[in-house]
Protein backbone atom coordinates (compact mmCIF):
# COMPACT_ATOMS: atom_id res chain seq x y z
CA UNK A 1 0.00 0.00 0.00
CA UNK A 2 1.32 3.43 -0.91
CA UNK A 3 1.76 6.66 0.98
CA UNK A 4 -0.26 9.69 -0.13
CA UNK A 5 -0.38 13.43 0.51
CA UNK A 6 -3.99 14.41 1.25
CA UNK A 7 -5.11 18.04 1.22
CA UNK A 8 -8.37 18.93 2.96
CA UNK A 9 -9.63 21.82 0.86
CA UNK A 10 -11.97 23.12 3.59
CA UNK A 11 -9.20 23.63 6.17
CA UNK A 12 -6.10 23.77 3.97
CA UNK A 13 -4.45 21.05 6.07
CA UNK A 14 -2.22 18.60 4.20
CA UNK A 15 -1.23 15.30 5.79
CA UNK A 16 0.76 12.22 4.81
CA UNK A 17 -1.29 9.01 5.15
CA UNK A 18 -1.36 5.40 3.97
CA UNK A 19 -3.69 4.02 1.30
CA UNK A 20 -6.14 2.42 3.73
CA UNK A 21 -6.69 5.75 5.45
CA UNK A 22 -7.18 7.56 2.13
CA UNK A 23 -9.84 5.10 0.98
CA UNK A 24 -11.63 5.19 4.34
CA UNK A 25 -11.68 8.99 4.70
CA UNK A 26 -12.45 9.92 1.10
CA UNK A 27 -14.77 6.93 0.55
CA UNK A 28 -13.33 6.15 -2.88
CA UNK A 29 -11.63 2.88 -3.81
CA UNK A 30 -7.85 3.15 -3.69
CA UNK A 31 -7.53 1.54 -7.14
CA UNK A 32 -9.49 4.45 -8.65
CA UNK A 33 -7.38 7.00 -6.74
CA UNK A 34 -4.20 5.30 -7.99
CA UNK A 35 -5.52 5.36 -11.57
CA UNK A 36 -6.27 9.09 -11.32
CA UNK A 37 -2.80 9.78 -9.92
CA UNK A 38 -1.17 7.77 -12.74
CA UNK A 39 -3.27 9.56 -15.36
CA UNK A 40 -3.45 13.15 -14.07
CA UNK A 41 -0.87 13.25 -11.28
CA UNK A 42 -3.55 13.67 -8.61
CA UNK A 43 -7.08 12.77 -7.52
CA UNK A 44 -9.37 15.71 -6.78
CA UNK A 45 -12.95 16.32 -5.81
CA UNK A 46 -14.72 19.22 -4.13
CA UNK A 47 -13.27 18.52 -0.69
CA UNK A 48 -10.03 16.55 -1.19
CA UNK A 49 -6.85 16.50 -3.27
CA UNK A 50 -4.67 13.37 -3.16
CA UNK A 51 -1.21 13.08 -4.69
PDB file of N, CA and C in Angstrom:
ATOM      1  N   UNK A   1       0.855  -1.176   0.000  1.00  0.00           N
ATOM      2  CA  UNK A   1       0.000   0.000   0.000  1.00  0.00           C
ATOM      3  C   UNK A   1       0.893   1.229   0.000  1.00  0.00           C
ATOM      4  N   UNK A   2       0.512   2.230  -0.776  1.00  0.00           N
ATOM      5  CA  UNK A   2       1.319   3.427  -0.910  1.00  0.00           C
ATOM      6  C   UNK A   2       1.086   4.461   0.177  1.00  0.00           C
ATOM      7  N   UNK A   3       1.871   5.510   0.092  1.00  0.00           N
ATOM      8  CA  UNK A   3       1.760   6.657   0.984  1.00  0.00           C
ATOM      9  C   UNK A   3       1.302   7.840   0.131  1.00  0.00           C
ATOM     10  N   UNK A   4       0.374   8.626   0.646  1.00  0.00           N
ATOM     11  CA  UNK A   4      -0.258   9.691  -0.132  1.00  0.00           C
ATOM     12  C   UNK A   4      -0.279  10.999   0.657  1.00  0.00           C
ATOM     13  N   UNK A   5      -0.128  12.108  -0.063  1.00  0.00           N
ATOM     14  CA  UNK A   5      -0.384  13.430   0.514  1.00  0.00           C
ATOM     15  C   UNK A   5      -1.852  13.745   0.280  1.00  0.00           C
ATOM     16  N   UNK A   6      -2.570  14.087   1.334  1.00  0.00           N
ATOM     17  CA  UNK A   6      -3.992  14.407   1.248  1.00  0.00           C
ATOM     18  C   UNK A   6      -4.192  15.835   1.727  1.00  0.00           C
ATOM     19  N   UNK A   7      -4.805  16.655   0.881  1.00  0.00           N
ATOM     20  CA  UNK A   7      -5.113  18.041   1.218  1.00  0.00           C
ATOM     21  C   UNK A   7      -6.607  18.164   1.457  1.00  0.00           C
ATOM     22  N   UNK A   8      -6.974  18.625   2.638  1.00  0.00           N
ATOM     23  CA  UNK A   8      -8.371  18.927   2.958  1.00  0.00           C
ATOM     24  C   UNK A   8      -8.621  20.347   2.494  1.00  0.00           C
ATOM     25  N   UNK A   9      -9.417  20.504   1.454  1.00  0.00           N
ATOM     26  CA  UNK A   9      -9.634  21.824   0.862  1.00  0.00           C
ATOM     27  C   UNK A   9     -10.438  22.764   1.754  1.00  0.00           C
ATOM     28  N   UNK A  10     -11.181  22.246   2.715  1.00  0.00           N
ATOM     29  CA  UNK A  10     -11.967  23.122   3.586  1.00  0.00           C
ATOM     30  C   UNK A  10     -11.104  23.784   4.649  1.00  0.00           C
ATOM     31  N   UNK A  11     -10.064  23.071   5.128  1.00  0.00           N
ATOM     32  CA  UNK A  11      -9.202  23.634   6.174  1.00  0.00           C
ATOM     33  C   UNK A  11      -7.829  24.032   5.668  1.00  0.00           C
ATOM     34  N   UNK A  12      -7.429  23.509   4.507  1.00  0.00           N
ATOM     35  CA  UNK A  12      -6.101  23.774   3.970  1.00  0.00           C
ATOM     36  C   UNK A  12      -5.027  22.884   4.568  1.00  0.00           C
ATOM     37  N   UNK A  13      -5.408  21.948   5.421  1.00  0.00           N
ATOM     38  CA  UNK A  13      -4.454  21.051   6.072  1.00  0.00           C
ATOM     39  C   UNK A  13      -4.041  19.937   5.116  1.00  0.00           C
ATOM     40  N   UNK A  14      -2.744  19.679   5.030  1.00  0.00           N
ATOM     41  CA  UNK A  14      -2.222  18.602   4.196  1.00  0.00           C
ATOM     42  C   UNK A  14      -1.484  17.612   5.094  1.00  0.00           C
ATOM     43  N   UNK A  15      -1.839  16.330   4.953  1.00  0.00           N
ATOM     44  CA  UNK A  15      -1.228  15.302   5.790  1.00  0.00           C
ATOM     45  C   UNK A  15      -0.746  14.138   4.932  1.00  0.00           C
ATOM     46  N   UNK A  16       0.214  13.401   5.453  1.00  0.00           N
ATOM     47  CA  UNK A  16       0.757  12.215   4.810  1.00  0.00           C
ATOM     48  C   UNK A  16       0.110  10.992   5.443  1.00  0.00           C
ATOM     49  N   UNK A  17      -0.565  10.171   4.627  1.00  0.00           N
ATOM     50  CA  UNK A  17      -1.295   9.006   5.148  1.00  0.00           C
ATOM     51  C   UNK A  17      -1.089   7.794   4.253  1.00  0.00           C
ATOM     52  N   UNK A  18      -1.449   6.621   4.770  1.00  0.00           N
ATOM     53  CA  UNK A  18      -1.361   5.402   3.967  1.00  0.00           C
ATOM     54  C   UNK A  18      -2.632   5.203   3.140  1.00  0.00           C
ATOM     55  N   UNK A  19      -2.591   4.250   2.222  1.00  0.00           N
ATOM     56  CA  UNK A  19      -3.694   4.018   1.303  1.00  0.00           C
ATOM     57  C   UNK A  19      -4.993   3.612   1.970  1.00  0.00           C
ATOM     58  N   UNK A  20      -4.920   2.822   3.024  1.00  0.00           N
ATOM     59  CA  UNK A  20      -6.139   2.420   3.730  1.00  0.00           C
ATOM     60  C   UNK A  20      -6.861   3.633   4.314  1.00  0.00           C
ATOM     61  N   UNK A  21      -6.101   4.546   4.863  1.00  0.00           N
ATOM     62  CA  UNK A  21      -6.690   5.752   5.448  1.00  0.00           C
ATOM     63  C   UNK A  21      -7.319   6.623   4.370  1.00  0.00           C
ATOM     64  N   UNK A  22      -6.640   6.768   3.238  1.00  0.00           N
ATOM     65  CA  UNK A  22      -7.185   7.563   2.128  1.00  0.00           C
ATOM     66  C   UNK A  22      -8.532   7.009   1.697  1.00  0.00           C
ATOM     67  N   UNK A  23      -8.596   5.718   1.445  1.00  0.00           N
ATOM     68  CA  UNK A  23      -9.841   5.096   0.981  1.00  0.00           C
ATOM     69  C   UNK A  23     -10.954   5.241   2.011  1.00  0.00           C
ATOM     70  N   UNK A  24     -10.621   5.106   3.289  1.00  0.00           N
ATOM     71  CA  UNK A  24     -11.633   5.191   4.343  1.00  0.00           C
ATOM     72  C   UNK A  24     -12.161   6.613   4.500  1.00  0.00           C
ATOM     73  N   UNK A  25     -11.277   7.601   4.481  1.00  0.00           N
ATOM     74  CA  UNK A  25     -11.675   8.988   4.704  1.00  0.00           C
ATOM     75  C   UNK A  25     -12.404   9.565   3.492  1.00  0.00           C
ATOM     76  N   UNK A  26     -11.870   9.333   2.317  1.00  0.00           N
ATOM     77  CA  UNK A  26     -12.450   9.923   1.101  1.00  0.00           C
ATOM     78  C   UNK A  26     -13.625   9.112   0.580  1.00  0.00           C
ATOM     79  N   UNK A  27     -13.693   7.838   0.974  1.00  0.00           N
ATOM     80  CA  UNK A  27     -14.770   6.929   0.552  1.00  0.00           C
ATOM     81  C   UNK A  27     -14.761   6.667  -0.946  1.00  0.00           C
ATOM     82  N   UNK A  28     -13.537   6.511  -1.477  1.00  0.00           N
ATOM     83  CA  UNK A  28     -13.331   6.149  -2.880  1.00  0.00           C
ATOM     84  C   UNK A  28     -12.327   5.005  -2.884  1.00  0.00           C
ATOM     85  N   UNK A  29     -12.533   4.024  -3.752  1.00  0.00           N
ATOM     86  CA  UNK A  29     -11.626   2.881  -3.810  1.00  0.00           C
ATOM     87  C   UNK A  29     -10.221   3.335  -4.165  1.00  0.00           C
ATOM     88  N   UNK A  30      -9.238   2.747  -3.493  1.00  0.00           N
ATOM     89  CA  UNK A  30      -7.850   3.151  -3.689  1.00  0.00           C
ATOM     90  C   UNK A  30      -7.375   2.865  -5.112  1.00  0.00           C
ATOM     91  N   UNK A  31      -7.923   1.838  -5.758  1.00  0.00           N
ATOM     92  CA  UNK A  31      -7.527   1.544  -7.142  1.00  0.00           C
ATOM     93  C   UNK A  31      -7.928   2.691  -8.071  1.00  0.00           C
ATOM     94  N   UNK A  32      -9.065   3.306  -7.839  1.00  0.00           N
ATOM     95  CA  UNK A  32      -9.486   4.452  -8.650  1.00  0.00           C
ATOM     96  C   UNK A  32      -8.605   5.672  -8.364  1.00  0.00           C
ATOM     97  N   UNK A  33      -8.273   5.888  -7.102  1.00  0.00           N
ATOM     98  CA  UNK A  33      -7.384   7.000  -6.738  1.00  0.00           C
ATOM     99  C   UNK A  33      -6.024   6.811  -7.401  1.00  0.00           C
ATOM    100  N   UNK A  34      -5.486   5.588  -7.352  1.00  0.00           N
ATOM    101  CA  UNK A  34      -4.201   5.298  -7.991  1.00  0.00           C
ATOM    102  C   UNK A  34      -4.265   5.553  -9.496  1.00  0.00           C
ATOM    103  N   UNK A  35      -5.358   5.146 -10.130  1.00  0.00           N
ATOM    104  CA  UNK A  35      -5.517   5.358 -11.568  1.00  0.00           C
ATOM    105  C   UNK A  35      -5.519   6.855 -11.894  1.00  0.00           C
ATOM    106  N   UNK A  36      -6.240   7.639 -11.099  1.00  0.00           N
ATOM    107  CA  UNK A  36      -6.273   9.091 -11.316  1.00  0.00           C
ATOM    108  C   UNK A  36      -4.886   9.702 -11.151  1.00  0.00           C
ATOM    109  N   UNK A  37      -4.146   9.251 -10.154  1.00  0.00           N
ATOM    110  CA  UNK A  37      -2.799   9.775  -9.920  1.00  0.00           C
ATOM    111  C   UNK A  37      -1.884   9.404 -11.088  1.00  0.00           C
ATOM    112  N   UNK A  38      -1.981   8.180 -11.592  1.00  0.00           N
ATOM    113  CA  UNK A  38      -1.174   7.769 -12.739  1.00  0.00           C
ATOM    114  C   UNK A  38      -1.526   8.565 -13.988  1.00  0.00           C
ATOM    115  N   UNK A  39      -2.800   8.868 -14.174  1.00  0.00           N
ATOM    116  CA  UNK A  39      -3.268   9.562 -15.365  1.00  0.00           C
ATOM    117  C   UNK A  39      -3.046  11.069 -15.285  1.00  0.00           C
ATOM    118  N   UNK A  40      -3.464  11.694 -14.188  1.00  0.00           N
ATOM    119  CA  UNK A  40      -3.452  13.153 -14.066  1.00  0.00           C
ATOM    120  C   UNK A  40      -2.443  13.697 -13.058  1.00  0.00           C
ATOM    121  N   UNK A  41      -1.814  12.813 -12.304  1.00  0.00           N
ATOM    122  CA  UNK A  41      -0.872  13.255 -11.285  1.00  0.00           C
ATOM    123  C   UNK A  41      -1.510  13.543  -9.939  1.00  0.00           C
ATOM    124  N   UNK A  42      -2.833  13.431  -9.873  1.00  0.00           N
ATOM    125  CA  UNK A  42      -3.546  13.668  -8.614  1.00  0.00           C
ATOM    126  C   UNK A  42      -4.996  13.205  -8.749  1.00  0.00           C
ATOM    127  N   UNK A  43      -5.645  13.014  -7.598  1.00  0.00           N
ATOM    128  CA  UNK A  43      -7.080  12.773  -7.524  1.00  0.00           C
ATOM    129  C   UNK A  43      -7.668  13.994  -6.833  1.00  0.00           C
ATOM    130  N   UNK A  44      -8.736  14.549  -7.391  1.00  0.00           N
ATOM    131  CA  UNK A  44      -9.375  15.711  -6.784  1.00  0.00           C
ATOM    132  C   UNK A  44     -10.883  15.585  -6.825  1.00  0.00           C
ATOM    133  N   UNK A  45     -11.509  16.100  -5.792  1.00  0.00           N
ATOM    134  CA  UNK A  45     -12.951  16.316  -5.812  1.00  0.00           C
ATOM    135  C   UNK A  45     -13.196  17.632  -5.078  1.00  0.00           C
ATOM    136  N   UNK A  46     -14.415  17.938  -4.751  1.00  0.00           N
ATOM    137  CA  UNK A  46     -14.725  19.221  -4.127  1.00  0.00           C
ATOM    138  C   UNK A  46     -14.101  19.440  -2.767  1.00  0.00           C
ATOM    139  N   UNK A  47     -13.793  18.380  -2.054  1.00  0.00           N
ATOM    140  CA  UNK A  47     -13.274  18.520  -0.689  1.00  0.00           C
ATOM    141  C   UNK A  47     -11.831  18.064  -0.533  1.00  0.00           C
ATOM    142  N   UNK A  48     -11.337  17.176  -1.381  1.00  0.00           N
ATOM    143  CA  UNK A  48     -10.029  16.554  -1.195  1.00  0.00           C
ATOM    144  C   UNK A  48      -9.144  16.640  -2.437  1.00  0.00           C
ATOM    145  N   UNK A  49      -7.843  16.680  -2.208  1.00  0.00           N
ATOM    146  CA  UNK A  49      -6.845  16.496  -3.273  1.00  0.00           C
ATOM    147  C   UNK A  49      -5.848  15.480  -2.758  1.00  0.00           C
ATOM    148  N   UNK A  50      -5.590  14.424  -3.547  1.00  0.00           N
ATOM    149  CA  UNK A  50      -4.673  13.372  -3.162  1.00  0.00           C
ATOM    150  C   UNK A  50      -3.577  13.300  -4.226  1.00  0.00           C
ATOM    151  N   UNK A  51      -2.339  13.246  -3.762  1.00  0.00           N
ATOM    152  CA  UNK A  51      -1.209  13.077  -4.691  1.00  0.00           C
ATOM    153  C   UNK A  51      -0.167  12.191  -4.065  1.00  0.00           C
TER     154      UNK A  51
END
